[in-house]
Structure formats: structure tokens, C-alpha cells
């Protein structure tokens, strides 16, 4: 079973809130409630990274198969342009703690932060 909602672009702070809620609601169908809230938090951190460090609007893609739920937050920026502020910098640490797997991928087309949470497989 592979399924995913269509990717969507966040072009305002109001849409960021709606995106987090929609992703949590989708996640709640395929993972337990605690993991769904973790997915929402990690998505929020990914969106915040684009707002603070990226370029262009965040594009969020959700993919799911029988083993894992994957969220990708992409933008047009080159990545790793870290602002030197003491009130920032915890987002990737949060993702590192909550995600089963994650990575930050940068190339000529932009930056993509992706993370996965494992699904419980019924036998």
C-alpha cells in the first residue's frame, strides 16, 4: 500500500499552520497519535527552517508506504545558511530525536529536509 496526498506549497504563515494540521491529520490515519503529533512538530521545524534560512516558499510532500511515513520540506535555497542567533538552532536536534531517519539534502535545485517515522506493521 503506497499512498500520498498531493504536494503543497506554503506561501503564508496562516498556510503553515494549516499545513501542519493537515499533515498531523493525515499522519493520525497511518501512525499512532503520539507519532502524529511528532510528525506535526517536525514539519513545523522544517517550515521554520525554510522561513529563517531558506529561499522561496516551502513545498511539503508527504509519502507513505506500509513501512514508514515520510515528510519532505523543500525550498529553492542553497541550504546551510545558518543565522547566528541564540534563539534558533534546536530544530534539527528535535528532528534527530523524534525521527526514525532524516537528512538534509542540498544540490543545485535547492534544499530538502526529509524525515521518516516508522509505521507499526500488523501481522
PDB file of N, CA and C in Angstrom:
ATOM      1  N   UNK A   1       0.846  -1.177   0.000  1.00  0.00           N
ATOM      2  CA  UNK A   1       0.000   0.000   0.000  1.00  0.00           C
ATOM      3  C   UNK A   1       0.891   1.239   0.000  1.00  0.00           C
ATOM      4  N   UNK A   2       0.936   1.954  -1.094  1.00  0.00           N
ATOM      5  CA  UNK A   2       1.626   3.234  -1.183  1.00  0.00           C
ATOM      6  C   UNK A   2       0.574   4.303  -1.443  1.00  0.00           C
ATOM      7  N   UNK A   3       0.615   5.379  -0.674  1.00  0.00           N
ATOM      8  CA  UNK A   3      -0.296   6.483  -0.920  1.00  0.00           C
ATOM      9  C   UNK A   3       0.306   7.760  -0.377  1.00  0.00           C
ATOM     10  N   UNK A   4      -0.160   8.869  -0.937  1.00  0.00           N
ATOM     11  CA  UNK A   4       0.348  10.166  -0.514  1.00  0.00           C
ATOM     12  C   UNK A   4      -0.611  11.247  -0.975  1.00  0.00           C
ATOM     13  N   UNK A   5      -0.764  12.301  -0.175  1.00  0.00           N
ATOM     14  CA  UNK A   5      -1.525  13.453  -0.658  1.00  0.00           C
ATOM     15  C   UNK A   5      -0.665  14.253  -1.630  1.00  0.00           C
ATOM     16  N   UNK A   6      -1.291  15.094  -2.408  1.00  0.00           N
ATOM     17  CA  UNK A   6      -0.544  15.934  -3.357  1.00  0.00           C
ATOM     18  C   UNK A   6       0.380  16.880  -2.601  1.00  0.00           C
ATOM     19  N   UNK A   7       1.561  17.171  -3.150  1.00  0.00           N
ATOM     20  CA  UNK A   7       2.443  18.162  -2.512  1.00  0.00           C
ATOM     21  C   UNK A   7       1.745  19.512  -2.462  1.00  0.00           C
ATOM     22  N   UNK A   8       2.081  20.324  -1.493  1.00  0.00           N
ATOM     23  CA  UNK A   8       1.522  21.663  -1.438  1.00  0.00           C
ATOM     24  C   UNK A   8       2.581  22.661  -1.027  1.00  0.00           C
ATOM     25  N   UNK A   9       2.354  23.910  -1.422  1.00  0.00           N
ATOM     26  CA  UNK A   9       3.281  24.989  -1.156  1.00  0.00           C
ATOM     27  C   UNK A   9       2.705  25.891  -0.081  1.00  0.00           C
ATOM     28  N   UNK A  10       3.538  26.286   0.851  1.00  0.00           N
ATOM     29  CA  UNK A  10       3.141  27.193   1.923  1.00  0.00           C
ATOM     30  C   UNK A  10       3.615  28.586   1.539  1.00  0.00           C
ATOM     31  N   UNK A  11       2.670  29.512   1.352  1.00  0.00           N
ATOM     32  CA  UNK A  11       3.031  30.864   0.933  1.00  0.00           C
ATOM     33  C   UNK A  11       2.717  31.919   1.986  1.00  0.00           C
ATOM     34  N   UNK A  12       2.232  31.495   3.159  1.00  0.00           N
ATOM     35  CA  UNK A  12       1.963  32.453   4.236  1.00  0.00           C
ATOM     36  C   UNK A  12       2.030  31.727   5.569  1.00  0.00           C
ATOM     37  N   UNK A  13       2.148  32.485   6.646  1.00  0.00           N
ATOM     38  CA  UNK A  13       2.164  31.884   7.984  1.00  0.00           C
ATOM     39  C   UNK A  13       0.858  31.158   8.278  1.00  0.00           C
ATOM     40  N   UNK A  14      -0.259  31.695   7.819  1.00  0.00           N
ATOM     41  CA  UNK A  14      -1.554  31.028   8.022  1.00  0.00           C
ATOM     42  C   UNK A  14      -1.560  29.669   7.327  1.00  0.00           C
ATOM     43  N   UNK A  15      -0.991  29.599   6.141  1.00  0.00           N
ATOM     44  CA  UNK A  15      -0.925  28.325   5.438  1.00  0.00           C
ATOM     45  C   UNK A  15       0.009  27.350   6.147  1.00  0.00           C
ATOM     46  N   UNK A  16       1.036  27.848   6.813  1.00  0.00           N
ATOM     47  CA  UNK A  16       1.941  26.972   7.564  1.00  0.00           C
ATOM     48  C   UNK A  16       1.176  26.266   8.667  1.00  0.00           C
ATOM     49  N   UNK A  17       0.328  26.991   9.370  1.00  0.00           N
ATOM     50  CA  UNK A  17      -0.485  26.395  10.431  1.00  0.00           C
ATOM     51  C   UNK A  17      -1.438  25.346   9.859  1.00  0.00           C
ATOM     52  N   UNK A  18      -2.067  25.683   8.748  1.00  0.00           N
ATOM     53  CA  UNK A  18      -2.979  24.743   8.091  1.00  0.00           C
ATOM     54  C   UNK A  18      -2.213  23.508   7.610  1.00  0.00           C
ATOM     55  N   UNK A  19      -1.018  23.703   7.055  1.00  0.00           N
ATOM     56  CA  UNK A  19      -0.206  22.587   6.571  1.00  0.00           C
ATOM     57  C   UNK A  19       0.137  21.635   7.713  1.00  0.00           C
ATOM     58  N   UNK A  20       0.566  22.192   8.841  1.00  0.00           N
ATOM     59  CA  UNK A  20       0.909  21.335   9.992  1.00  0.00           C
ATOM     60  C   UNK A  20      -0.301  20.520  10.428  1.00  0.00           C
ATOM     61  N   UNK A  21      -1.476  21.166  10.489  1.00  0.00           N
ATOM     62  CA  UNK A  21      -2.689  20.465  10.919  1.00  0.00           C
ATOM     63  C   UNK A  21      -3.052  19.362   9.928  1.00  0.00           C
ATOM     64  N   UNK A  22      -2.995  19.663   8.628  1.00  0.00           N
ATOM     65  CA  UNK A  22      -3.345  18.661   7.618  1.00  0.00           C
ATOM     66  C   UNK A  22      -2.393  17.469   7.678  1.00  0.00           C
ATOM     67  N   UNK A  23      -1.124  17.743   7.869  1.00  0.00           N
ATOM     68  CA  UNK A  23      -0.147  16.654   7.935  1.00  0.00           C
ATOM     69  C   UNK A  23      -0.383  15.814   9.189  1.00  0.00           C
ATOM     70  N   UNK A  24      -0.682  16.455  10.321  1.00  0.00           N
ATOM     71  CA  UNK A  24      -0.991  15.699  11.541  1.00  0.00           C
ATOM     72  C   UNK A  24      -2.229  14.835  11.327  1.00  0.00           C
ATOM     73  N   UNK A  25      -3.271  15.386  10.704  1.00  0.00           N
ATOM     74  CA  UNK A  25      -4.494  14.617  10.456  1.00  0.00           C
ATOM     75  C   UNK A  25      -4.218  13.434   9.544  1.00  0.00           C
ATOM     76  N   UNK A  26      -3.416  13.636   8.503  1.00  0.00           N
ATOM     77  CA  UNK A  26      -3.054  12.529   7.618  1.00  0.00           C
ATOM     78  C   UNK A  26      -2.239  11.496   8.389  1.00  0.00           C
ATOM     79  N   UNK A  27      -1.255  11.967   9.157  1.00  0.00           N
ATOM     80  CA  UNK A  27      -0.397  11.047   9.917  1.00  0.00           C
ATOM     81  C   UNK A  27      -1.206  10.233  10.916  1.00  0.00           C
ATOM     82  N   UNK A  28      -2.223  10.829  11.516  1.00  0.00           N
ATOM     83  CA  UNK A  28      -3.027  10.127  12.519  1.00  0.00           C
ATOM     84  C   UNK A  28      -3.745   8.912  11.937  1.00  0.00           C
ATOM     85  N   UNK A  29      -3.926   8.901  10.631  1.00  0.00           N
ATOM     86  CA  UNK A  29      -4.562   7.761   9.973  1.00  0.00           C
ATOM     87  C   UNK A  29      -3.589   6.600   9.818  1.00  0.00           C
ATOM     88  N   UNK A  30      -2.289   6.893   9.747  1.00  0.00           N
ATOM     89  CA  UNK A  30      -1.319   5.851   9.418  1.00  0.00           C
ATOM     90  C   UNK A  30      -0.313   5.539  10.532  1.00  0.00           C
ATOM     91  N   UNK A  31      -0.223   6.391  11.559  1.00  0.00           N
ATOM     92  CA  UNK A  31       0.645   6.130  12.707  1.00  0.00           C
ATOM     93  C   UNK A  31      -0.147   6.434  13.980  1.00  0.00           C
ATOM     94  N   UNK A  32       0.392   6.073  15.132  1.00  0.00           N
ATOM     95  CA  UNK A  32      -0.337   6.335  16.369  1.00  0.00           C
ATOM     96  C   UNK A  32      -0.381   7.831  16.676  1.00  0.00           C
ATOM     97  N   UNK A  33      -1.233   8.217  17.631  1.00  0.00           N
ATOM     98  CA  UNK A  33      -1.470   9.629  17.931  1.00  0.00           C
ATOM     99  C   UNK A  33      -0.194  10.357  18.359  1.00  0.00           C
ATOM    100  N   UNK A  34       0.633   9.723  19.190  1.00  0.00           N
ATOM    101  CA  UNK A  34       1.875  10.374  19.623  1.00  0.00           C
ATOM    102  C   UNK A  34       2.793  10.640  18.434  1.00  0.00           C
ATOM    103  N   UNK A  35       2.924   9.662  17.556  1.00  0.00           N
ATOM    104  CA  UNK A  35       3.772   9.842  16.377  1.00  0.00           C
ATOM    105  C   UNK A  35       3.204  10.910  15.460  1.00  0.00           C
ATOM    106  N   UNK A  36       1.877  11.000  15.366  1.00  0.00           N
ATOM    107  CA  UNK A  36       1.260  12.028  14.523  1.00  0.00           C
ATOM    108  C   UNK A  36       1.606  13.430  15.027  1.00  0.00           C
ATOM    109  N   UNK A  37       1.595  13.621  16.338  1.00  0.00           N
ATOM    110  CA  UNK A  37       1.980  14.925  16.889  1.00  0.00           C
ATOM    111  C   UNK A  37       3.475  15.183  16.680  1.00  0.00           C
ATOM    112  N   UNK A  38       4.292  14.135  16.768  1.00  0.00           N
ATOM    113  CA  UNK A  38       5.721  14.290  16.467  1.00  0.00           C
ATOM    114  C   UNK A  38       5.922  14.725  15.022  1.00  0.00           C
ATOM    115  N   UNK A  39       5.159  14.127  14.112  1.00  0.00           N
ATOM    116  CA  UNK A  39       5.241  14.492  12.688  1.00  0.00           C
ATOM    117  C   UNK A  39       4.869  15.959  12.513  1.00  0.00           C
ATOM    118  N   UNK A  40       3.826  16.406  13.206  1.00  0.00           N
ATOM    119  CA  UNK A  40       3.432  17.812  13.114  1.00  0.00           C
ATOM    120  C   UNK A  40       4.552  18.729  13.614  1.00  0.00           C
ATOM    121  N   UNK A  41       5.156  18.382  14.743  1.00  0.00           N
ATOM    122  CA  UNK A  41       6.239  19.193  15.296  1.00  0.00           C
ATOM    123  C   UNK A  41       7.436  19.234  14.342  1.00  0.00           C
ATOM    124  N   UNK A  42       7.815  18.087  13.802  1.00  0.00           N
ATOM    125  CA  UNK A  42       8.954  18.058  12.885  1.00  0.00           C
ATOM    126  C   UNK A  42       8.661  18.845  11.611  1.00  0.00           C
ATOM    127  N   UNK A  43       7.417  18.775  11.136  1.00  0.00           N
ATOM    128  CA  UNK A  43       7.027  19.558   9.961  1.00  0.00           C
ATOM    129  C   UNK A  43       7.141  21.045  10.268  1.00  0.00           C
ATOM    130  N   UNK A  44       6.688  21.441  11.437  1.00  0.00           N
ATOM    131  CA  UNK A  44       6.785  22.852  11.842  1.00  0.00           C
ATOM    132  C   UNK A  44       8.239  23.305  11.872  1.00  0.00           C
ATOM    133  N   UNK A  45       9.125  22.459  12.368  1.00  0.00           N
ATOM    134  CA  UNK A  45      10.547  22.803  12.399  1.00  0.00           C
ATOM    135  C   UNK A  45      11.107  22.932  10.984  1.00  0.00           C
ATOM    136  N   UNK A  46      10.691  22.043  10.091  1.00  0.00           N
ATOM    137  CA  UNK A  46      11.147  22.133   8.702  1.00  0.00           C
ATOM    138  C   UNK A  46      10.678  23.411   8.030  1.00  0.00           C
ATOM    139  N   UNK A  47       9.419  23.778   8.248  1.00  0.00           N
ATOM    140  CA  UNK A  47       8.891  25.018   7.686  1.00  0.00           C
ATOM    141  C   UNK A  47       9.636  26.211   8.274  1.00  0.00           C
ATOM    142  N   UNK A  48       9.877  26.203   9.575  1.00  0.00           N
ATOM    143  CA  UNK A  48      10.607  27.304  10.223  1.00  0.00           C
ATOM    144  C   UNK A  48      12.006  27.440   9.640  1.00  0.00           C
ATOM    145  N   UNK A  49      12.655  26.319   9.346  1.00  0.00           N
ATOM    146  CA  UNK A  49      13.989  26.381   8.742  1.00  0.00           C
ATOM    147  C   UNK A  49      13.958  27.087   7.388  1.00  0.00           C
ATOM    148  N   UNK A  50      12.939  26.798   6.585  1.00  0.00           N
ATOM    149  CA  UNK A  50      12.830  27.471   5.292  1.00  0.00           C
ATOM    150  C   UNK A  50      12.603  28.969   5.503  1.00  0.00           C
ATOM    151  N   UNK A  51      11.717  29.323   6.423  1.00  0.00           N
ATOM    152  CA  UNK A  51      11.414  30.732   6.671  1.00  0.00           C
ATOM    153  C   UNK A  51      12.662  31.476   7.141  1.00  0.00           C
ATOM    154  N   UNK A  52      13.447  30.857   8.024  1.00  0.00           N
ATOM    155  CA  UNK A  52      14.605  31.539   8.607  1.00  0.00           C
ATOM    156  C   UNK A  52      15.876  31.420   7.769  1.00  0.00           C
ATOM    157  N   UNK A  53      16.045  30.311   7.062  1.00  0.00           N
ATOM    158  CA  UNK A  53      17.324  30.056   6.391  1.00  0.00           C
ATOM    159  C   UNK A  53      17.209  29.804   4.893  1.00  0.00           C
ATOM    160  N   UNK A  54      15.999  29.585   4.402  1.00  0.00           N
ATOM    161  CA  UNK A  54      15.843  29.149   3.021  1.00  0.00           C
ATOM    162  C   UNK A  54      15.554  30.279   2.056  1.00  0.00           C
ATOM    163  N   UNK A  55      15.121  29.870   0.900  1.00  0.00           N
ATOM    164  CA  UNK A  55      14.801  30.800  -0.170  1.00  0.00           C
ATOM    165  C   UNK A  55      13.548  30.287  -0.869  1.00  0.00           C
ATOM    166  N   UNK A  56      12.597  31.173  -1.092  1.00  0.00           N
ATOM    167  CA  UNK A  56      11.352  30.758  -1.718  1.00  0.00           C
ATOM    168  C   UNK A  56      10.397  30.175  -0.691  1.00  0.00           C
ATOM    169  N   UNK A  57       9.296  29.675  -1.182  1.00  0.00           N
ATOM    170  CA  UNK A  57       8.269  29.116  -0.313  1.00  0.00           C
ATOM    171  C   UNK A  57       8.525  27.634  -0.055  1.00  0.00           C
ATOM    172  N   UNK A  58       8.221  27.164   1.162  1.00  0.00           N
ATOM    173  CA  UNK A  58       8.366  25.731   1.441  1.00  0.00           C
ATOM    174  C   UNK A  58       7.371  24.914   0.609  1.00  0.00           C
ATOM    175  N   UNK A  59       7.849  23.824   0.066  1.00  0.00           N
ATOM    176  CA  UNK A  59       6.988  22.853  -0.610  1.00  0.00           C
ATOM    177  C   UNK A  59       7.036  21.586   0.234  1.00  0.00           C
ATOM    178  N   UNK A  60       5.872  21.120   0.642  1.00  0.00           N
ATOM    179  CA  UNK A  60       5.794  19.977   1.551  1.00  0.00           C
ATOM    180  C   UNK A  60       5.208  18.794   0.802  1.00  0.00           C
ATOM    181  N   UNK A  61       5.912  17.677   0.874  1.00  0.00           N
ATOM    182  CA  UNK A  61       5.468  16.447   0.238  1.00  0.00           C
ATOM    183  C   UNK A  61       5.403  15.366   1.302  1.00  0.00           C
ATOM    184  N   UNK A  62       4.304  14.620   1.303  1.00  0.00           N
ATOM    185  CA  UNK A  62       4.122  13.523   2.252  1.00  0.00           C
ATOM    186  C   UNK A  62       4.013  12.233   1.448  1.00  0.00           C
ATOM    187  N   UNK A  63       4.775  11.244   1.864  1.00  0.00           N
ATOM    188  CA  UNK A  63       4.739   9.933   1.213  1.00  0.00           C
ATOM    189  C   UNK A  63       4.527   8.883   2.298  1.00  0.00           C
ATOM    190  N   UNK A  64       3.827   7.840   1.926  1.00  0.00           N
ATOM    191  CA  UNK A  64       3.581   6.789   2.910  1.00  0.00           C
ATOM    192  C   UNK A  64       3.532   5.443   2.213  1.00  0.00           C
ATOM    193  N   UNK A  65       4.162   4.447   2.834  1.00  0.00           N
ATOM    194  CA  UNK A  65       4.004   3.078   2.393  1.00  0.00           C
ATOM    195  C   UNK A  65       3.759   2.224   3.629  1.00  0.00           C
ATOM    196  N   UNK A  66       3.778   0.929   3.485  1.00  0.00           N
ATOM    197  CA  UNK A  66       3.448   0.066   4.623  1.00  0.00           C
ATOM    198  C   UNK A  66       4.486   0.131   5.740  1.00  0.00           C
ATOM    199  N   UNK A  67       5.678   0.643   5.476  1.00  0.00           N
ATOM    200  CA  UNK A  67       6.734   0.663   6.485  1.00  0.00           C
ATOM    201  C   UNK A  67       6.935   2.007   7.163  1.00  0.00           C
ATOM    202  N   UNK A  68       6.728   3.114   6.434  1.00  0.00           N
ATOM    203  CA  UNK A  68       7.072   4.423   7.007  1.00  0.00           C
ATOM    204  C   UNK A  68       6.247   5.546   6.401  1.00  0.00           C
ATOM    205  N   UNK A  69       6.143   6.614   7.165  1.00  0.00           N
ATOM    206  CA  UNK A  69       5.588   7.885   6.717  1.00  0.00           C
ATOM    207  C   UNK A  69       6.770   8.831   6.543  1.00  0.00           C
ATOM    208  N   UNK A  70       6.854   9.475   5.398  1.00  0.00           N
ATOM    209  CA  UNK A  70       7.966  10.374   5.087  1.00  0.00           C
ATOM    210  C   UNK A  70       7.411  11.753   4.749  1.00  0.00           C
ATOM    211  N   UNK A  71       8.012  12.780   5.328  1.00  0.00           N
ATOM    212  CA  UNK A  71       7.668  14.164   5.027  1.00  0.00           C
ATOM    213  C   UNK A  71       8.921  14.837   4.480  1.00  0.00           C
ATOM    214  N   UNK A  72       8.757  15.571   3.386  1.00  0.00           N
ATOM    215  CA  UNK A  72       9.850  16.338   2.786  1.00  0.00           C
ATOM    216  C   UNK A  72       9.446  17.807   2.776  1.00  0.00           C
ATOM    217  N   UNK A  73      10.340  18.658   3.259  1.00  0.00           N
ATOM    218  CA  UNK A  73      10.130  20.107   3.213  1.00  0.00           C
ATOM    219  C   UNK A  73      11.260  20.673   2.366  1.00  0.00           C
ATOM    220  N   UNK A  74      10.897  21.203   1.193  1.00  0.00           N
ATOM    221  CA  UNK A  74      11.891  21.666   0.216  1.00  0.00           C
ATOM    222  C   UNK A  74      11.757  23.156  -0.030  1.00  0.00           C
ATOM    223  N   UNK A  75      12.857  23.762  -0.470  1.00  0.00           N
ATOM    224  CA  UNK A  75      12.838  25.155  -0.905  1.00  0.00           C
ATOM    225  C   UNK A  75      13.894  25.347  -1.977  1.00  0.00           C
ATOM    226  N   UNK A  76      13.961  26.569  -2.503  1.00  0.00           N
ATOM    227  CA  UNK A  76      14.879  26.879  -3.604  1.00  0.00           C
ATOM    228  C   UNK A  76      16.266  27.280  -3.142  1.00  0.00           C
ATOM    229  N   UNK A  77      16.494  27.368  -1.847  1.00  0.00           N
ATOM    230  CA  UNK A  77      17.757  27.883  -1.325  1.00  0.00           C
ATOM    231  C   UNK A  77      18.878  26.865  -1.333  1.00  0.00           C
ATOM    232  N   UNK A  78      20.100  27.373  -1.192  1.00  0.00           N
ATOM    233  CA  UNK A  78      21.273  26.505  -1.210  1.00  0.00           C
ATOM    234  C   UNK A  78      21.484  25.742   0.097  1.00  0.00           C
ATOM    235  N   UNK A  79      20.749  26.065   1.134  1.00  0.00           N
ATOM    236  CA  UNK A  79      20.870  25.348   2.403  1.00  0.00           C
ATOM    237  C   UNK A  79      22.057  25.783   3.230  1.00  0.00           C
ATOM    238  N   UNK A  80      22.010  25.446   4.468  1.00  0.00           N
ATOM    239  CA  UNK A  80      23.088  25.649   5.424  1.00  0.00           C
ATOM    240  C   UNK A  80      23.549  27.102   5.535  1.00  0.00           C
ATOM    241  N   UNK A  81      22.654  28.033   5.303  1.00  0.00           N
ATOM    242  CA  UNK A  81      22.949  29.437   5.576  1.00  0.00           C
ATOM    243  C   UNK A  81      22.410  29.732   6.973  1.00  0.00           C
ATOM    244  N   UNK A  82      23.139  29.321   7.974  1.00  0.00           N
ATOM    245  CA  UNK A  82      22.669  29.355   9.351  1.00  0.00           C
ATOM    246  C   UNK A  82      22.808  30.755   9.922  1.00  0.00           C
ATOM    247  N   UNK A  83      21.703  31.269  10.413  1.00  0.00           N
ATOM    248  CA  UNK A  83      21.736  32.566  11.096  1.00  0.00           C
ATOM    249  C   UNK A  83      22.380  32.364  12.465  1.00  0.00           C
ATOM    250  N   UNK A  84      23.227  33.260  12.841  1.00  0.00           N
ATOM    251  CA  UNK A  84      23.920  33.157  14.128  1.00  0.00           C
ATOM    252  C   UNK A  84      23.125  33.850  15.217  1.00  0.00           C
ATOM    253  N   UNK A  85      22.009  33.237  15.596  1.00  0.00           N
ATOM    254  CA  UNK A  85      21.170  33.776  16.658  1.00  0.00           C
ATOM    255  C   UNK A  85      21.032  32.709  17.727  1.00  0.00           C
ATOM    256  N   UNK A  86      21.049  33.118  18.968  1.00  0.00           N
ATOM    257  CA  UNK A  86      20.973  32.143  20.055  1.00  0.00           C
ATOM    258  C   UNK A  86      19.566  31.587  20.248  1.00  0.00           C
ATOM    259  N   UNK A  87      18.554  32.255  19.682  1.00  0.00           N
ATOM    260  CA  UNK A  87      17.182  31.765  19.831  1.00  0.00           C
ATOM    261  C   UNK A  87      16.784  30.813  18.701  1.00  0.00           C
ATOM    262  N   UNK A  88      17.745  30.380  17.904  1.00  0.00           N
ATOM    263  CA  UNK A  88      17.490  29.415  16.829  1.00  0.00           C
ATOM    264  C   UNK A  88      18.489  28.275  16.954  1.00  0.00           C
ATOM    265  N   UNK A  89      18.219  27.199  16.224  1.00  0.00           N
ATOM    266  CA  UNK A  89      19.208  26.147  16.148  1.00  0.00           C
ATOM    267  C   UNK A  89      18.833  24.841  16.802  1.00  0.00           C
ATOM    268  N   UNK A  90      17.628  24.721  17.358  1.00  0.00           N
ATOM    269  CA  UNK A  90      17.231  23.478  18.014  1.00  0.00           C
ATOM    270  C   UNK A  90      16.411  22.548  17.116  1.00  0.00           C
ATOM    271  N   UNK A  91      15.955  23.045  15.961  1.00  0.00           N
ATOM    272  CA  UNK A  91      15.032  22.294  15.117  1.00  0.00           C
ATOM    273  C   UNK A  91      15.564  20.965  14.633  1.00  0.00           C
ATOM    274  N   UNK A  92      16.785  20.942  14.116  1.00  0.00           N
ATOM    275  CA  UNK A  92      17.333  19.681  13.613  1.00  0.00           C
ATOM    276  C   UNK A  92      17.613  18.715  14.760  1.00  0.00           C
ATOM    277  N   UNK A  93      17.925  19.240  15.933  1.00  0.00           N
ATOM    278  CA  UNK A  93      18.096  18.376  17.111  1.00  0.00           C
ATOM    279  C   UNK A  93      16.793  17.696  17.500  1.00  0.00           C
ATOM    280  N   UNK A  94      15.696  18.435  17.413  1.00  0.00           N
ATOM    281  CA  UNK A  94      14.375  17.861  17.696  1.00  0.00           C
ATOM    282  C   UNK A  94      14.065  16.765  16.685  1.00  0.00           C
ATOM    283  N   UNK A  95      14.313  17.056  15.422  1.00  0.00           N
ATOM    284  CA  UNK A  95      14.065  16.054  14.378  1.00  0.00           C
ATOM    285  C   UNK A  95      14.945  14.834  14.590  1.00  0.00           C
ATOM    286  N   UNK A  96      16.191  15.045  14.967  1.00  0.00           N
ATOM    287  CA  UNK A  96      17.105  13.933  15.221  1.00  0.00           C
ATOM    288  C   UNK A  96      16.580  13.033  16.337  1.00  0.00           C
ATOM    289  N   UNK A  97      15.976  13.616  17.341  1.00  0.00           N
ATOM    290  CA  UNK A  97      15.435  12.835  18.464  1.00  0.00           C
ATOM    291  C   UNK A  97      14.159  12.083  18.103  1.00  0.00           C
ATOM    292  N   UNK A  98      13.309  12.679  17.263  1.00  0.00           N
ATOM    293  CA  UNK A  98      11.976  12.120  17.023  1.00  0.00           C
ATOM    294  C   UNK A  98      11.865  11.229  15.786  1.00  0.00           C
ATOM    295  N   UNK A  99      12.675  11.490  14.786  1.00  0.00           N
ATOM    296  CA  UNK A  99      12.561  10.762  13.518  1.00  0.00           C
ATOM    297  C   UNK A  99      13.307   9.433  13.577  1.00  0.00           C
ATOM    298  N   UNK A 100      12.778   8.455  12.856  1.00  0.00           N
ATOM    299  CA  UNK A 100      13.498   7.190  12.709  1.00  0.00           C
ATOM    300  C   UNK A 100      14.713   7.390  11.803  1.00  0.00           C
ATOM    301  N   UNK A 101      14.530   8.222  10.770  1.00  0.00           N
ATOM    302  CA  UNK A 101      15.589   8.567   9.831  1.00  0.00           C
ATOM    303  C   UNK A 101      15.324   9.984   9.340  1.00  0.00           C
ATOM    304  N   UNK A 102      16.402  10.695   8.995  1.00  0.00           N
ATOM    305  CA  UNK A 102      16.239  12.022   8.422  1.00  0.00           C
ATOM    306  C   UNK A 102      17.527  12.442   7.744  1.00  0.00           C
ATOM    307  N   UNK A 103      17.412  13.442   6.887  1.00  0.00           N
ATOM    308  CA  UNK A 103      18.592  14.000   6.251  1.00  0.00           C
ATOM    309  C   UNK A 103      18.257  15.387   5.715  1.00  0.00           C
ATOM    310  N   UNK A 104      19.296  16.161   5.503  1.00  0.00           N
ATOM    311  CA  UNK A 104      19.191  17.464   4.863  1.00  0.00           C
ATOM    312  C   UNK A 104      20.005  17.364   3.584  1.00  0.00           C
ATOM    313  N   UNK A 105      19.339  17.454   2.442  1.00  0.00           N
ATOM    314  CA  UNK A 105      19.972  17.255   1.149  1.00  0.00           C
ATOM    315  C   UNK A 105      19.982  18.587   0.406  1.00  0.00           C
ATOM    316  N   UNK A 106      21.159  18.990  -0.063  1.00  0.00           N
ATOM    317  CA  UNK A 106      21.257  20.216  -0.850  1.00  0.00           C
ATOM    318  C   UNK A 106      21.911  19.907  -2.192  1.00  0.00           C
ATOM    319  N   UNK A 107      21.404  20.566  -3.223  1.00  0.00           N
ATOM    320  CA  UNK A 107      22.003  20.465  -4.545  1.00  0.00           C
ATOM    321  C   UNK A 107      21.661  21.731  -5.315  1.00  0.00           C
ATOM    322  N   UNK A 108      21.953  21.737  -6.617  1.00  0.00           N
ATOM    323  CA  UNK A 108      21.737  22.943  -7.408  1.00  0.00           C
ATOM    324  C   UNK A 108      20.272  23.350  -7.502  1.00  0.00           C
ATOM    325  N   UNK A 109      19.344  22.433  -7.238  1.00  0.00           N
ATOM    326  CA  UNK A 109      17.917  22.769  -7.334  1.00  0.00           C
ATOM    327  C   UNK A 109      17.355  23.292  -6.017  1.00  0.00           C
ATOM    328  N   UNK A 110      18.096  23.181  -4.924  1.00  0.00           N
ATOM    329  CA  UNK A 110      17.610  23.691  -3.647  1.00  0.00           C
ATOM    330  C   UNK A 110      17.957  22.776  -2.490  1.00  0.00           C
ATOM    331  N   UNK A 111      17.141  22.872  -1.455  1.00  0.00           N
ATOM    332  CA  UNK A 111      17.365  22.127  -0.224  1.00  0.00           C
ATOM    333  C   UNK A 111      16.123  21.313   0.107  1.00  0.00           C
ATOM    334  N   UNK A 112      16.328  20.108   0.584  1.00  0.00           N
ATOM    335  CA  UNK A 112      15.220  19.263   1.028  1.00  0.00           C
ATOM    336  C   UNK A 112      15.571  18.645   2.378  1.00  0.00           C
ATOM    337  N   UNK A 113      14.763  18.955   3.374  1.00  0.00           N
ATOM    338  CA  UNK A 113      14.837  18.281   4.664  1.00  0.00           C
ATOM    339  C   UNK A 113      13.777  17.191   4.625  1.00  0.00           C
ATOM    340  N   UNK A 114      14.180  15.951   4.847  1.00  0.00           N
ATOM    341  CA  UNK A 114      13.191  14.883   4.907  1.00  0.00           C
ATOM    342  C   UNK A 114      13.356  14.117   6.210  1.00  0.00           C
ATOM    343  N   UNK A 115      12.251  13.562   6.681  1.00  0.00           N
ATOM    344  CA  UNK A 115      12.284  12.713   7.863  1.00  0.00           C
ATOM    345  C   UNK A 115      11.231  11.618   7.716  1.00  0.00           C
ATOM    346  N   UNK A 116      11.478  10.525   8.414  1.00  0.00           N
ATOM    347  CA  UNK A 116      10.550   9.395   8.402  1.00  0.00           C
ATOM    348  C   UNK A 116      10.234   8.938   9.818  1.00  0.00           C
ATOM    349  N   UNK A 117       9.006   8.475   9.981  1.00  0.00           N
ATOM    350  CA  UNK A 117       8.616   7.764  11.196  1.00  0.00           C
ATOM    351  C   UNK A 117       8.131   6.385  10.759  1.00  0.00           C
ATOM    352  N   UNK A 118       8.509   5.393  11.528  1.00  0.00           N
ATOM    353  CA  UNK A 118       8.118   4.024  11.202  1.00  0.00           C
ATOM    354  C   UNK A 118       6.657   3.792  11.545  1.00  0.00           C
ATOM    355  N   UNK A 119       6.017   2.962  10.744  1.00  0.00           N
ATOM    356  CA  UNK A 119       4.646   2.545  10.997  1.00  0.00           C
ATOM    357  C   UNK A 119       4.674   1.195  11.680  1.00  0.00           C
ATOM    358  N   UNK A 120       3.716   0.957  12.545  1.00  0.00           N
ATOM    359  CA  UNK A 120       3.541  -0.356  13.135  1.00  0.00           C
ATOM    360  C   UNK A 120       2.968  -1.278  12.076  1.00  0.00           C
ATOM    361  N   UNK A 121       3.571  -2.427  11.901  1.00  0.00           N
ATOM    362  CA  UNK A 121       3.092  -3.382  10.912  1.00  0.00           C
ATOM    363  C   UNK A 121       2.318  -4.468  11.623  1.00  0.00           C
ATOM    364  N   UNK A 122       1.026  -4.610  11.299  1.00  0.00           N
ATOM    365  CA  UNK A 122       0.196  -5.646  11.891  1.00  0.00           C
ATOM    366  C   UNK A 122       0.482  -6.970  11.204  1.00  0.00           C
ATOM    367  N   UNK A 123       0.530  -8.007  12.025  1.00  0.00           N
ATOM    368  CA  UNK A 123       0.796  -9.336  11.432  1.00  0.00           C
ATOM    369  C   UNK A 123      -0.415 -10.197  11.510  1.00  0.00           C
TER     370      UNK A 123
END
